[in-house]
Amino acid sequence: MLIRFVVSNFLSFAEETEFNMLTGSVRRKKDHEYHFGDLSLLKTAAIYGANGAGKSNLVKAIGLLQKIVTTGEWNYFTDIQTFRLNPDYAEKPTSFEIEFVMEGKSYSYGLSLFQNVIVEEWLYLTNFGKEDILVFNRTTNQDGITKIEVNDKYFQSAKDKLRIKLYEDELLLNDKPLIKQLAEAKQVFEEVEEVNNWFIDSLLILSPLSKPTEIVKYMAINKNFRTFIGKFISSLNTGISGIGVQTYSINDFFGKNEKEKIEDVSNQVKNKGNAILKRSDSLEEVLAVEENNNVLIKRFYTKHFDGKGNEYSFLLPEESDGTKRLIDYIAMFFMYLHDEVVFIIDEIEISIHPYLLKELLSKIMSNENSKGQLIFTTHESHLLDQEIFRQDEIWFTEKDKGGATNLYPLSDFKVRFDLDIRKGYLNGRFGAIPFLADLENLNWNDYAEEKAGV
């Protein structure tokens, strides 16, 4: 579960800016909370703001930190993209810190980067705010000299001390995260391994152009998952009555002339047990598995009925973009209900009708037995409804006069629980909406006359 994320000097974030899932003083909808001792966390957060206000930059910052941890690389851009509207920030480090809960423990991991060098990196057990316990702290000074401090339990023998010395002097490059090195080391750092696994398995980020992967795999092997998606989507009046999985022999699927492709896929299946394939012509995802010594291809389809009760099957590429996105979301929400995952979705309203999206979220959030978290950015004002969200679950992004992004929750305002917050938002009461200039001053007619040669 995400507790907080803090970023500074990255894209539109200048000074240290925090987003968190901590509960406020709101008394309503207590079933929207998770409790870990004295710590209370929210299940959901919706982030609003005008175009260019920094909503997506928050998602990008979290996504970049995830890539740094899971791949061991951070230079996805030529240089880290610092806050550019003030030249002073070119001489300041960029910092990310994330605090989260997993398996009954709370961790804080962060790093600071400056001119292609990781100048500081740290990992602590935070004990839900009681007392921080060091796992490791790594610093690099202006001369490029790295120092690593680790928890005493990993620094007891001469061999332990030699290993850390080797990291400091030779093994650890100043542009590589220590957390990745330790996660792959022969000596297991228990806390490092857990944190690394959280970034890989429990933090799931979806951009407007990306989609969840391996859905067809879970469709094929998990009957409960398949039933959940079928019942859920049929209840939303999309015209789909259910879903299923079709099975083909590998020769029938590819054609007997595709010998190299068939051999390649067969080898993947033998080595890994299964293989996820993406068809370049339709972006369809299919699953290759071995059953009874035969390699089979599984792909899922939707069921439709005509007015006479006849059933028809449609493959996923034949469905609308909205339906495909809806299936993606329902699959994600299945995990949200059953697993301790953190979903972060940028522009959740893409390809989904606003009333359908509202109904979808209402159904999900009414489930008191969920286990995950859902965080999303949106422009969709129809979701600003206190019958769905608590005030501390709604956040706004807005830029100050210097062009830097600020983040703040609705609960910072004194708002009655029966107030129409959608109307208040659109009237600018809470900020975070675009400023619409006087369009008459754009002189549209003058441009039209000039183009016509008048």
Protein backbone atom coordinates (compact mmCIF):
# COMPACT_ATOMS: atom_id res chain seq x y z
CA MET A 1 0.00 0.00 0.00
CA LEU A 2 1.31 3.44 -0.87
CA ILE A 3 1.73 5.81 2.06
CA ARG A 4 3.34 8.79 0.34
CA PHE A 5 5.45 9.88 -2.61
CA VAL A 6 7.70 12.94 -2.52
CA VAL A 7 9.39 14.55 -5.54
CA SER A 8 11.49 17.66 -6.10
CA ASN A 9 13.16 19.32 -9.09
CA PHE A 10 11.60 17.06 -11.71
CA LEU A 11 9.58 18.32 -14.70
CA SER A 12 7.01 20.77 -13.28
CA PHE A 13 7.84 19.98 -9.64
CA ALA A 14 10.25 22.54 -8.18
CA GLU A 15 10.41 22.37 -4.37
CA GLU A 16 9.65 19.19 -2.45
CA THR A 17 6.04 18.19 -3.21
CA GLU A 18 4.16 15.38 -1.48
CA PHE A 19 1.25 13.21 -2.54
CA ASN A 20 -0.05 10.83 0.10
CA MET A 21 -2.77 8.29 0.83
CA LEU A 22 -3.07 9.18 4.50
CA THR A 23 -6.56 9.67 5.86
CA GLY A 24 -7.61 13.16 6.85
CA SER A 25 -10.13 14.21 9.46
CA VAL A 26 -13.04 12.96 7.32
CA ARG A 27 -15.49 10.83 9.28
CA ARG A 28 -17.58 9.49 6.40
CA LYS A 29 -17.08 6.22 4.51
CA LYS A 30 -14.84 4.45 7.00
CA ASP A 31 -14.94 1.39 4.72
CA HIS A 32 -12.67 3.37 2.35
CA GLU A 33 -9.77 2.93 4.78
CA TYR A 34 -7.10 0.32 5.46
CA HIS A 35 -5.63 0.11 8.95
CA PHE A 36 -2.10 -0.91 9.95
CA GLY A 37 -1.89 -0.38 13.68
CA ASP A 38 -2.23 3.37 14.21
CA LEU A 39 -1.72 4.07 10.49
CA SER A 40 -4.81 4.59 8.32
CA LEU A 41 -4.54 4.66 4.53
CA LEU A 42 -7.07 5.40 1.82
CA LYS A 43 -8.07 2.87 -0.80
CA THR A 44 -8.51 5.37 -3.62
CA ALA A 45 -7.42 8.81 -4.83
CA ALA A 46 -8.60 10.87 -7.81
CA ILE A 47 -6.27 13.64 -9.02
CA TYR A 48 -7.71 16.61 -10.95
CA GLY A 49 -6.11 19.54 -12.69
CA ALA A 50 -5.99 21.60 -15.86
CA ASN A 51 -4.00 20.49 -18.90
CA GLY A 52 -0.33 21.08 -18.17
CA ALA A 53 -0.88 21.39 -14.41
CA GLY A 54 1.35 18.41 -13.62
CA LYS A 55 -1.00 15.44 -13.07
CA SER A 56 0.83 13.24 -15.57
CA ASN A 57 4.19 14.45 -14.30
CA LEU A 58 3.39 12.90 -10.93
CA VAL A 59 2.72 9.58 -12.64
CA LYS A 60 5.91 9.94 -14.70
CA ALA A 61 7.94 10.60 -11.55
CA ILE A 62 6.65 7.45 -9.83
CA GLY A 63 7.15 5.47 -13.05
CA LEU A 64 10.72 6.68 -13.43
CA LEU A 65 11.58 5.68 -9.87
CA GLN A 66 10.09 2.24 -10.56
CA LYS A 67 12.28 1.85 -13.67
CA ILE A 68 15.37 2.91 -11.76
CA VAL A 69 14.77 0.23 -9.13
CA THR A 70 13.66 -2.63 -11.38
CA THR A 71 16.16 -2.19 -14.21
CA GLY A 72 19.15 -0.70 -12.45
CA GLU A 73 19.19 2.20 -14.91
CA TRP A 74 17.93 5.75 -14.59
CA ASN A 75 19.11 7.53 -17.74
CA TYR A 76 15.91 7.14 -19.76
CA PHE A 77 16.40 10.73 -20.85
CA THR A 78 19.65 12.32 -22.05
CA ASP A 79 19.67 14.11 -18.71
CA ILE A 80 17.18 14.07 -15.87
CA GLN A 81 14.49 16.62 -16.68
CA THR A 82 14.79 19.19 -13.92
CA PHE A 83 12.48 22.15 -13.30
CA ARG A 84 13.41 24.48 -16.16
CA LEU A 85 11.47 27.68 -15.42
CA ASN A 86 14.10 28.80 -12.91
CA PRO A 87 17.81 28.43 -13.88
CA ASP A 88 18.79 27.98 -10.22
CA TYR A 89 17.34 24.45 -10.31
CA ALA A 90 19.95 23.33 -12.85
CA GLU A 91 22.38 23.34 -9.92
CA LYS A 92 20.12 21.36 -7.58
CA PRO A 93 19.62 17.58 -7.30
CA THR A 94 16.45 15.79 -8.34
CA SER A 95 14.96 13.67 -5.57
CA PHE A 96 12.35 10.92 -5.30
CA GLU A 97 11.14 9.20 -2.14
CA ILE A 98 8.40 6.63 -1.73
CA GLU A 99 6.98 5.14 1.46
CA PHE A 100 4.77 2.07 1.37
CA VAL A 101 3.46 -0.93 3.27
CA MET A 102 4.01 -4.55 2.30
CA GLU A 103 3.56 -7.76 4.27
CA GLY A 104 2.96 -5.90 7.52
CA LYS A 105 6.07 -3.69 7.25
CA SER A 106 6.51 -0.09 6.13
CA TYR A 107 9.49 1.04 4.07
CA SER A 108 10.90 4.30 2.80
CA TYR A 109 13.14 4.24 -0.27
CA GLY A 110 14.56 7.25 -2.04
CA LEU A 111 17.41 8.70 -4.04
CA SER A 112 18.84 12.03 -5.19
CA LEU A 113 20.47 12.50 -8.60
CA PHE A 114 22.67 15.30 -9.85
CA GLN A 115 24.49 15.54 -13.19
CA ASN A 116 24.22 11.84 -13.96
CA VAL A 117 25.37 10.80 -10.50
CA ILE A 118 23.34 9.24 -7.67
CA VAL A 119 24.51 11.46 -4.84
CA GLU A 120 22.36 9.78 -2.18
CA GLU A 121 20.26 6.63 -1.90
CA TRP A 122 18.55 5.22 1.18
CA LEU A 123 16.26 2.49 2.44
CA TYR A 124 14.66 2.46 5.89
CA LEU A 125 12.15 0.37 7.76
CA THR A 126 9.84 3.13 8.99
CA ASN A 127 7.73 1.09 11.45
CA PHE A 128 4.58 3.04 10.59
CA GLY A 129 6.08 6.31 11.76
CA LYS A 130 7.40 5.12 15.13
CA GLU A 131 11.16 4.76 14.64
CA ASP A 132 13.17 4.47 11.43
CA ILE A 133 15.57 1.55 11.16
CA LEU A 134 18.39 1.84 8.64
CA VAL A 135 18.71 -0.83 5.97
CA PHE A 136 21.29 1.06 3.93
CA ASN A 137 22.37 4.59 3.13
CA ARG A 138 24.68 5.37 0.23
CA THR A 139 26.27 8.78 -0.42
CA THR A 140 28.65 10.07 -3.11
CA ASN A 141 30.61 13.28 -2.53
CA GLN A 142 31.80 15.89 -5.04
CA ASP A 143 35.01 13.91 -5.64
CA GLY A 144 33.03 10.85 -6.66
CA ILE A 145 33.87 8.91 -3.50
CA THR A 146 31.04 6.60 -2.39
CA LYS A 147 30.29 5.60 1.20
CA ILE A 148 27.81 2.89 2.15
CA GLU A 149 26.31 2.42 5.61
CA VAL A 150 24.30 -0.75 6.21
CA ASN A 151 22.30 -2.28 9.03
CA ASP A 152 24.50 -3.95 11.65
CA LYS A 153 23.05 -7.40 10.92
CA TYR A 154 24.59 -7.24 7.43
CA PHE A 155 27.92 -5.88 8.71
CA GLN A 156 29.09 -8.33 11.37
CA SER A 157 31.89 -10.42 9.84
CA ALA A 158 35.11 -9.49 8.07
CA LYS A 159 33.57 -10.92 4.90
CA ASP A 160 30.61 -8.55 5.23
CA LYS A 161 32.91 -5.57 5.65
CA LEU A 162 35.00 -6.61 2.65
CA ARG A 163 31.87 -6.96 0.51
CA ILE A 164 30.69 -3.44 1.35
CA LYS A 165 34.20 -2.09 0.75
CA LEU A 166 34.20 -3.69 -2.69
CA TYR A 167 30.88 -2.01 -3.48
CA GLU A 168 32.26 1.34 -2.39
CA ASP A 169 35.54 1.09 -4.28
CA GLU A 170 34.85 -1.01 -7.38
CA LEU A 171 31.52 -2.73 -7.91
CA LEU A 172 29.07 0.13 -7.53
CA LEU A 173 29.03 2.70 -10.33
CA ASN A 174 27.88 6.17 -9.36
CA ASP A 175 25.01 6.10 -11.85
CA LYS A 176 23.67 2.69 -10.75
CA PRO A 177 21.26 2.18 -7.84
CA LEU A 178 22.58 0.16 -4.92
CA ILE A 179 19.18 -1.43 -4.35
CA LYS A 180 19.43 -3.29 -7.65
CA GLN A 181 22.97 -4.47 -6.92
CA LEU A 182 22.00 -5.78 -3.49
CA ALA A 183 18.84 -7.45 -4.81
CA GLU A 184 20.97 -9.48 -7.21
CA ALA A 185 23.78 -10.22 -4.73
CA LYS A 186 24.51 -13.71 -3.49
CA GLN A 187 24.15 -12.50 0.08
CA VAL A 188 20.43 -11.84 0.46
CA PHE A 189 19.42 -8.55 2.04
CA GLU A 190 15.94 -9.55 3.18
CA GLU A 191 14.48 -6.03 3.21
CA VAL A 192 16.05 -5.13 -0.13
CA GLU A 193 14.58 -8.22 -1.75
CA GLU A 194 11.11 -7.41 -0.39
CA VAL A 195 11.26 -3.80 -1.60
CA ASN A 196 12.55 -4.84 -5.02
CA ASN A 197 9.68 -7.33 -5.35
CA TRP A 198 7.15 -4.64 -4.37
CA PHE A 199 8.30 -2.39 -7.20
CA ILE A 200 8.08 -5.30 -9.66
CA ASP A 201 4.88 -7.05 -8.57
CA SER A 202 2.79 -4.60 -6.56
CA LEU A 203 3.25 -1.21 -8.24
CA LEU A 204 1.37 -1.21 -11.54
CA ILE A 205 1.28 1.95 -13.67
CA LEU A 206 -0.95 2.43 -16.71
CA SER A 207 -0.43 5.34 -19.12
CA PRO A 208 -3.05 6.40 -21.71
CA LEU A 209 -1.25 4.38 -24.40
CA SER A 210 -0.31 1.30 -22.37
CA LYS A 211 -2.37 -1.68 -21.26
CA PRO A 212 -2.12 -4.40 -18.63
CA THR A 213 -0.17 -7.43 -19.81
CA GLU A 214 -0.79 -11.17 -19.50
CA ILE A 215 -4.59 -10.85 -19.20
CA VAL A 216 -5.12 -13.80 -21.53
CA LYS A 217 -2.82 -15.91 -19.33
CA TYR A 218 -4.98 -15.34 -16.27
CA MET A 219 -8.10 -15.76 -18.39
CA ALA A 220 -6.91 -19.20 -19.45
CA ILE A 221 -5.71 -20.51 -16.09
CA ASN A 222 -7.95 -18.75 -13.55
CA LYS A 223 -11.63 -19.62 -13.83
CA ASN A 224 -12.60 -17.16 -11.07
CA PHE A 225 -10.86 -14.37 -12.97
CA ARG A 226 -12.67 -15.30 -16.20
CA THR A 227 -16.04 -15.52 -14.45
CA PHE A 228 -15.51 -12.17 -12.72
CA ILE A 229 -14.75 -10.34 -15.98
CA GLY A 230 -17.68 -11.99 -17.77
CA LYS A 231 -20.24 -11.17 -15.09
CA PHE A 232 -18.90 -7.68 -14.52
CA ILE A 233 -18.87 -6.56 -18.14
CA SER A 234 -22.26 -8.13 -18.89
CA SER A 235 -23.75 -6.13 -16.00
CA LEU A 236 -22.66 -2.84 -17.60
CA ASN A 237 -24.97 -3.10 -20.64
CA THR A 238 -22.16 -3.05 -23.19
CA GLY A 239 -23.79 -5.68 -25.40
CA ILE A 240 -21.36 -8.35 -24.18
CA SER A 241 -23.01 -11.32 -22.48
CA GLY A 242 -19.83 -13.12 -21.47
CA ILE A 243 -16.28 -14.07 -22.41
CA GLY A 244 -14.45 -17.26 -23.24
CA VAL A 245 -11.14 -18.72 -24.39
CA GLN A 246 -10.56 -20.31 -27.80
CA THR A 247 -7.82 -22.93 -28.25
CA TYR A 248 -5.85 -23.59 -31.47
CA SER A 249 -2.99 -25.88 -32.39
CA ILE A 250 0.16 -23.91 -33.05
CA ASN A 251 0.18 -25.04 -36.69
CA ASP A 252 -3.40 -23.90 -37.28
CA PHE A 253 -2.77 -20.56 -35.60
CA PHE A 254 0.39 -19.58 -37.49
CA GLY A 255 0.01 -21.68 -40.63
CA LYS A 256 2.29 -24.57 -41.57
CA ASN A 257 4.56 -22.29 -43.64
CA GLU A 258 5.63 -20.30 -40.55
CA LYS A 259 8.14 -22.95 -39.46
CA GLU A 260 10.63 -20.54 -37.86
CA LYS A 261 7.92 -18.80 -35.86
CA ILE A 262 6.44 -22.10 -34.74
CA GLU A 263 9.85 -23.37 -33.65
CA ASP A 264 10.67 -20.16 -31.78
CA VAL A 265 7.37 -20.15 -29.86
CA SER A 266 7.67 -23.87 -29.10
CA ASN A 267 11.12 -23.32 -27.61
CA GLN A 268 9.84 -20.45 -25.46
CA VAL A 269 7.07 -22.67 -24.12
CA LYS A 270 9.43 -25.55 -23.35
CA ASN A 271 11.87 -23.25 -21.54
CA LYS A 272 9.34 -21.18 -19.58
CA GLY A 273 6.18 -23.28 -19.49
CA ASN A 274 4.22 -20.66 -21.45
CA ALA A 275 4.73 -17.60 -23.61
CA ILE A 276 2.78 -14.39 -24.07
CA LEU A 277 2.66 -13.36 -27.74
CA LYS A 278 1.54 -10.03 -29.17
CA ARG A 279 0.32 -9.96 -32.74
CA SER A 280 1.82 -6.93 -34.47
CA ASP A 281 -1.07 -6.64 -36.90
CA SER A 282 -3.76 -6.20 -34.23
CA LEU A 283 -1.84 -5.76 -30.91
CA GLU A 284 -3.79 -8.79 -29.70
CA GLU A 285 -2.26 -10.74 -26.83
CA VAL A 286 -2.40 -14.56 -27.00
CA LEU A 287 -1.03 -17.31 -24.79
CA ALA A 288 1.09 -20.26 -25.90
CA VAL A 289 1.06 -23.28 -23.54
CA GLU A 290 1.94 -26.96 -23.60
CA GLU A 291 -0.80 -29.50 -22.97
CA ASN A 292 -0.40 -33.27 -23.49
CA ASN A 293 2.94 -32.66 -25.25
CA ASN A 294 1.30 -30.30 -27.76
CA VAL A 295 1.87 -26.55 -28.00
CA LEU A 296 -1.47 -24.76 -28.07
CA ILE A 297 -2.47 -21.14 -28.59
CA LYS A 298 -5.21 -19.61 -26.44
CA ARG A 299 -6.96 -16.34 -27.23
CA PHE A 300 -10.03 -14.89 -25.56
CA TYR A 301 -13.22 -13.72 -27.15
CA THR A 302 -16.43 -11.92 -26.22
CA LYS A 303 -19.96 -13.30 -26.55
CA HIS A 304 -22.86 -11.35 -28.06
CA PHE A 305 -26.51 -12.27 -28.59
CA ASP A 306 -28.68 -11.04 -31.43
CA GLY A 307 -32.36 -10.20 -31.03
CA LYS A 308 -33.31 -13.83 -31.63
CA GLY A 309 -31.17 -15.34 -28.90
CA ASN A 310 -28.38 -16.54 -31.18
CA GLU A 311 -24.85 -16.27 -29.76
CA TYR A 312 -21.94 -14.81 -31.73
CA SER A 313 -18.24 -14.68 -30.88
CA PHE A 314 -15.96 -11.67 -31.40
CA LEU A 315 -12.19 -11.61 -30.95
CA LEU A 316 -10.82 -8.73 -28.89
CA PRO A 317 -9.45 -6.73 -31.89
CA GLU A 318 -13.00 -6.67 -33.26
CA GLU A 319 -14.32 -4.85 -30.20
CA SER A 320 -14.34 -1.05 -29.84
CA ASP A 321 -11.49 0.80 -28.15
CA GLY A 322 -13.82 1.59 -25.27
CA THR A 323 -14.73 -2.07 -24.75
CA LYS A 324 -11.08 -3.14 -24.86
CA ARG A 325 -10.19 -0.46 -22.33
CA LEU A 326 -13.08 -1.54 -20.16
CA ILE A 327 -11.87 -5.16 -20.16
CA ASP A 328 -8.40 -3.91 -19.20
CA TYR A 329 -9.86 -2.01 -16.26
CA ILE A 330 -12.05 -4.87 -15.08
CA ALA A 331 -9.03 -7.19 -15.13
CA MET A 332 -7.09 -4.65 -13.07
CA PHE A 333 -9.97 -4.24 -10.64
CA PHE A 334 -10.06 -7.99 -10.10
CA MET A 335 -6.50 -7.71 -8.83
CA TYR A 336 -7.46 -4.59 -6.82
CA LEU A 337 -10.10 -6.65 -5.02
CA HIS A 338 -7.92 -9.70 -4.39
CA ASP A 339 -4.28 -8.57 -4.10
CA GLU A 340 -2.31 -5.90 -2.24
CA VAL A 341 -1.44 -4.00 -5.42
CA VAL A 342 -1.20 -0.28 -6.13
CA PHE A 343 -2.69 0.71 -9.48
CA ILE A 344 -1.83 4.14 -10.86
CA ILE A 345 -3.76 5.12 -14.00
CA ASP A 346 -3.07 8.29 -15.95
CA GLU A 347 -6.23 9.71 -17.58
CA ILE A 348 -8.61 6.97 -16.50
CA GLU A 349 -11.43 8.36 -18.65
CA ILE A 350 -9.74 7.56 -21.99
CA SER A 351 -12.23 5.78 -24.33
CA ILE A 352 -14.77 5.27 -21.52
CA HIS A 353 -18.16 7.01 -21.39
CA PRO A 354 -18.32 9.21 -18.26
CA TYR A 355 -21.48 7.59 -16.90
CA LEU A 356 -20.11 4.11 -17.47
CA LEU A 357 -16.85 5.05 -15.75
CA LYS A 358 -18.78 6.45 -12.81
CA GLU A 359 -20.83 3.26 -12.53
CA LEU A 360 -17.68 1.15 -12.76
CA LEU A 361 -15.90 3.03 -9.98
CA SER A 362 -19.03 3.05 -7.82
CA LYS A 363 -19.23 -0.74 -8.03
CA ILE A 364 -15.57 -1.21 -7.24
CA MET A 365 -15.48 1.22 -4.33
CA SER A 366 -18.62 -0.21 -2.74
CA ASN A 367 -16.78 -3.49 -2.12
CA GLU A 368 -15.68 -3.53 1.52
CA ASN A 369 -13.35 -6.52 1.10
CA SER A 370 -10.87 -5.05 -1.39
CA LYS A 371 -7.14 -5.38 -0.77
CA GLY A 372 -5.51 -2.93 -3.21
CA GLN A 373 -5.27 0.77 -3.92
CA LEU A 374 -6.39 2.73 -6.97
CA ILE A 375 -4.91 6.13 -7.83
CA PHE A 376 -5.82 7.90 -11.04
CA THR A 377 -5.66 11.24 -12.81
CA THR A 378 -8.67 12.56 -14.65
CA HIS A 379 -10.50 15.54 -16.13
CA GLU A 380 -13.88 13.84 -15.72
CA SER A 381 -15.93 16.11 -13.48
CA HIS A 382 -18.83 13.63 -13.27
CA LEU A 383 -16.74 11.68 -10.79
CA LEU A 384 -16.69 14.61 -8.36
CA ASP A 385 -19.41 13.13 -6.23
CA GLN A 386 -19.31 12.82 -2.45
CA GLU A 387 -21.58 9.79 -2.73
CA ILE A 388 -18.57 8.02 -4.29
CA PHE A 389 -15.49 9.69 -2.80
CA ARG A 390 -14.45 11.08 0.54
CA GLN A 391 -13.04 14.61 0.51
CA ASP A 392 -9.53 13.35 1.33
CA GLU A 393 -9.66 11.01 -1.68
CA ILE A 394 -9.86 13.94 -4.13
CA TRP A 395 -6.67 15.83 -4.98
CA PHE A 396 -6.00 18.86 -7.17
CA THR A 397 -2.93 19.96 -9.11
CA GLU A 398 -2.35 23.61 -9.94
CA LYS A 399 0.64 25.65 -11.05
CA ASP A 400 1.77 28.69 -9.10
CA LYS A 401 2.91 31.97 -10.67
CA GLY A 402 6.38 30.53 -11.19
CA GLY A 403 5.03 27.57 -13.16
CA ALA A 404 5.63 24.97 -10.44
CA THR A 405 3.05 22.28 -9.66
CA ASN A 406 1.31 22.27 -6.28
CA LEU A 407 -0.73 19.34 -4.93
CA TYR A 408 -3.50 19.59 -2.35
CA PRO A 409 -6.55 17.53 -1.28
CA LEU A 410 -10.15 18.71 -1.24
CA SER A 411 -10.15 18.13 2.52
CA ASP A 412 -7.96 21.26 2.86
CA PHE A 413 -11.15 23.25 2.16
CA LYS A 414 -14.09 23.56 4.52
CA VAL A 415 -16.68 21.75 2.43
CA ARG A 416 -20.05 20.43 3.62
CA PHE A 417 -20.63 16.74 2.92
CA ASP A 418 -23.81 17.60 0.93
CA LEU A 419 -22.15 20.24 -1.30
CA ASP A 420 -22.22 19.74 -5.07
CA ILE A 421 -18.42 19.69 -5.40
CA ARG A 422 -18.62 19.19 -9.18
CA LYS A 423 -20.35 22.55 -9.53
CA GLY A 424 -17.91 24.16 -7.12
CA TYR A 425 -14.96 22.75 -9.04
CA LEU A 426 -16.25 23.94 -12.41
CA ASN A 427 -16.85 27.39 -10.93
CA GLY A 428 -13.19 27.52 -9.86
CA ARG A 429 -13.78 27.28 -6.14
CA PHE A 430 -10.97 24.79 -5.61
CA GLY A 431 -8.66 25.95 -8.39
CA ALA A 432 -7.09 23.33 -10.68
CA ILE A 433 -9.19 24.26 -13.74
CA PRO A 434 -7.99 25.87 -16.98
CA PHE A 435 -8.17 29.64 -17.31
CA LEU A 436 -10.30 30.39 -20.36
CA ALA A 437 -9.31 33.67 -21.97
CA ASP A 438 -11.73 35.90 -23.92
CA LEU A 439 -11.88 33.96 -27.17
CA GLU A 440 -13.33 36.97 -28.98
CA ASN A 441 -9.92 38.62 -28.67
CA LEU A 442 -8.46 35.92 -30.92
CA ASN A 443 -10.13 37.58 -33.93
CA TRP A 444 -11.14 34.36 -35.66
CA ASN A 445 -12.83 36.25 -38.49
CA ASP A 446 -9.64 38.14 -39.33
CA TYR A 447 -7.77 34.87 -39.85
CA ALA A 448 -10.57 33.43 -41.98
CA GLU A 449 -10.63 36.55 -44.20
CA GLU A 450 -6.84 36.48 -44.58
CA LYS A 451 -6.90 32.81 -45.66
CA ALA A 452 -9.63 33.56 -48.18
CA GLY A 453 -7.57 36.37 -49.64
CA VAL A 454 -9.98 39.10 -48.62
